[in-house]
């Protein structure tokens, strides 16, 4: 099979809708946009939530509460079991080493180590946060958990 031998499935290709080319084409006169008014004009559309000038519902309801989403601290998470799968020549682990290994993205600013999985070799791990189980597993294997 070659790309130039591929054919479209029957019914996959449609004719372009030709509007405004007379009544015989089925899309004449108002060209499928109805009568007059804002929605019948070129570029005429109303924004979501607009209720024709009436006070919209989203402005009638009270806005309460607090949202911390913009100011959150996002952590890239890695499990102890993933650290065990790293190359045997690596003894010190940080975000840069994990990026090179393909386990985290480049733009990681904060790293958190979770305790899922097992580890049997000593690693010196530098991260912003560790769970209690992750720290215990690393230290039990003879490694270190350094909070940066």
Protein backbone atom coordinates (compact mmCIF):
# COMPACT_ATOMS: atom_id res chain seq x y z
CA UNK A 1 0.00 0.00 0.00
CA UNK A 2 1.29 3.45 -0.97
CA UNK A 3 -0.03 6.87 0.02
CA UNK A 4 -0.70 7.82 -3.61
CA UNK A 5 -2.87 4.73 -4.11
CA UNK A 6 -5.25 5.46 -1.21
CA UNK A 7 -8.80 6.38 -2.17
CA UNK A 8 -11.46 8.09 -0.10
CA UNK A 9 -14.42 6.06 1.14
CA UNK A 10 -17.62 6.69 -0.83
CA UNK A 11 -19.40 9.68 0.71
CA UNK A 12 -16.31 11.03 2.47
CA UNK A 13 -15.86 14.01 0.12
CA UNK A 14 -18.66 16.57 -0.08
CA UNK A 15 -19.26 19.46 -2.42
CA UNK A 16 -18.63 22.90 -0.95
CA UNK A 17 -21.87 24.63 0.07
CA UNK A 18 -22.33 27.50 -2.40
CA UNK A 19 -24.45 30.12 -0.70
CA UNK A 20 -25.97 33.18 -2.31
CA UNK A 21 -25.98 31.74 -5.83
CA UNK A 22 -29.72 31.85 -6.48
CA UNK A 23 -32.81 30.09 -5.22
CA UNK A 24 -32.22 27.02 -7.36
CA UNK A 25 -29.18 26.01 -5.33
CA UNK A 26 -31.20 25.77 -2.12
CA UNK A 27 -29.10 28.39 -0.33
CA UNK A 28 -30.23 31.57 -2.06
CA UNK A 29 -31.77 34.81 -0.78
CA UNK A 30 -30.81 34.78 2.93
CA UNK A 31 -28.11 32.12 2.39
CA UNK A 32 -29.19 29.90 5.26
CA UNK A 33 -29.00 32.53 8.03
CA UNK A 34 -32.71 33.30 8.29
CA UNK A 35 -34.25 36.77 8.19
CA UNK A 36 -33.03 40.11 9.45
CA UNK A 37 -31.51 40.91 12.81
CA UNK A 38 -28.20 40.53 14.57
CA UNK A 39 -27.75 36.85 13.71
CA UNK A 40 -28.50 37.50 10.05
CA UNK A 41 -25.65 40.00 9.66
CA UNK A 42 -22.06 39.39 8.68
CA UNK A 43 -20.03 38.93 11.86
CA UNK A 44 -23.22 39.02 13.89
CA UNK A 45 -23.04 36.75 16.88
CA UNK A 46 -23.91 37.12 20.52
CA UNK A 47 -21.54 36.19 23.31
CA UNK A 48 -22.30 33.26 25.63
CA UNK A 49 -24.52 34.31 28.52
CA UNK A 50 -26.04 37.31 26.70
CA UNK A 51 -29.80 37.53 27.33
CA UNK A 52 -30.84 40.30 24.97
CA UNK A 53 -30.00 43.13 27.35
CA UNK A 54 -31.74 41.59 30.36
CA UNK A 55 -29.47 41.23 33.39
CA UNK A 56 -27.81 37.86 32.74
CA UNK A 57 -28.05 35.03 35.22
CA UNK A 58 -24.31 34.93 35.90
CA UNK A 59 -24.49 38.57 37.05
CA UNK A 60 -27.58 38.01 39.19
CA UNK A 61 -26.07 35.22 41.27
CA UNK A 62 -23.70 36.02 44.13
CA UNK A 63 -20.02 35.21 43.68
CA UNK A 64 -18.71 33.73 46.88
CA UNK A 65 -15.74 31.78 48.08
CA UNK A 66 -12.07 31.69 47.29
CA UNK A 67 -10.11 29.96 44.56
CA UNK A 68 -6.40 29.38 44.98
CA UNK A 69 -5.84 27.84 41.53
CA UNK A 70 -3.70 30.70 40.19
CA UNK A 71 -1.38 30.63 43.18
CA UNK A 72 -1.04 26.86 43.67
CA UNK A 73 2.28 25.06 43.86
CA UNK A 74 2.34 22.35 41.24
CA UNK A 75 4.51 19.31 41.91
CA UNK A 76 5.81 16.77 39.45
CA UNK A 77 5.35 13.46 41.24
CA UNK A 78 7.60 10.42 41.03
CA UNK A 79 7.31 7.11 42.85
CA UNK A 80 10.07 5.26 44.68
CA UNK A 81 9.45 2.31 42.35
CA UNK A 82 10.30 4.54 39.35
CA UNK A 83 13.59 5.53 40.97
CA UNK A 84 14.50 1.86 41.30
CA UNK A 85 14.29 1.51 37.52
CA UNK A 86 16.94 4.19 36.88
CA UNK A 87 20.35 3.31 35.40
CA UNK A 88 22.63 1.53 37.89
CA UNK A 89 25.42 4.10 37.37
CA UNK A 90 23.25 6.89 38.84
CA UNK A 91 23.71 7.46 42.57
CA UNK A 92 22.39 11.03 42.94
CA UNK A 93 18.90 11.85 41.69
CA UNK A 94 17.35 15.29 41.08
CA UNK A 95 14.86 16.85 38.63
CA UNK A 96 17.50 17.21 35.90
CA UNK A 97 18.48 13.52 36.09
CA UNK A 98 14.82 12.51 35.99
CA UNK A 99 14.25 14.70 32.92
CA UNK A 100 17.16 13.05 31.10
CA UNK A 101 15.68 9.65 32.02
CA UNK A 102 12.32 10.76 30.56
CA UNK A 103 10.39 10.53 33.85
CA UNK A 104 9.48 14.23 34.27
CA UNK A 105 9.12 17.26 32.02
CA UNK A 106 11.83 19.88 31.58
CA UNK A 107 9.87 22.76 33.14
CA UNK A 108 9.64 21.05 36.55
CA UNK A 109 10.16 23.53 39.37
CA UNK A 110 9.01 21.36 42.25
CA UNK A 111 9.39 17.62 42.69
CA UNK A 112 7.56 15.36 45.13
CA UNK A 113 8.59 11.75 45.81
CA UNK A 114 5.78 9.31 46.67
CA UNK A 115 6.17 5.95 48.37
CA UNK A 116 4.61 3.58 45.83
CA UNK A 117 6.88 0.68 44.85
CA UNK A 118 10.06 -0.79 46.31
CA UNK A 119 13.72 0.19 46.13
CA UNK A 120 16.72 -1.95 47.03
CA UNK A 121 19.74 0.29 46.26
CA UNK A 122 21.06 3.40 47.97
CA UNK A 123 20.16 6.63 46.20
CA UNK A 124 20.74 10.22 47.25
CA UNK A 125 17.49 11.89 46.17
CA UNK A 126 17.03 15.68 46.14
CA UNK A 127 13.43 16.93 45.92
CA UNK A 128 11.17 19.61 47.37
CA UNK A 129 8.90 17.15 49.21
CA UNK A 130 8.82 13.52 50.30
CA UNK A 131 5.98 11.49 51.73
CA UNK A 132 6.74 9.70 54.98
CA UNK A 133 6.70 6.27 53.34
CA UNK A 134 9.01 7.40 50.53
CA UNK A 135 11.55 8.81 52.98
CA UNK A 136 11.40 5.63 55.07
CA UNK A 137 11.92 3.36 52.02
CA UNK A 138 14.87 5.40 50.75
CA UNK A 139 16.58 5.43 54.14
CA UNK A 140 15.90 1.72 54.70
CA UNK A 141 17.70 0.98 51.40
CA UNK A 142 20.70 2.99 52.64
CA UNK A 143 19.98 6.16 50.67
CA UNK A 144 19.21 9.76 51.60
CA UNK A 145 16.16 11.98 51.14
CA UNK A 146 17.31 15.61 50.90
CA UNK A 147 14.62 18.30 50.91
CA UNK A 148 15.69 21.23 48.75
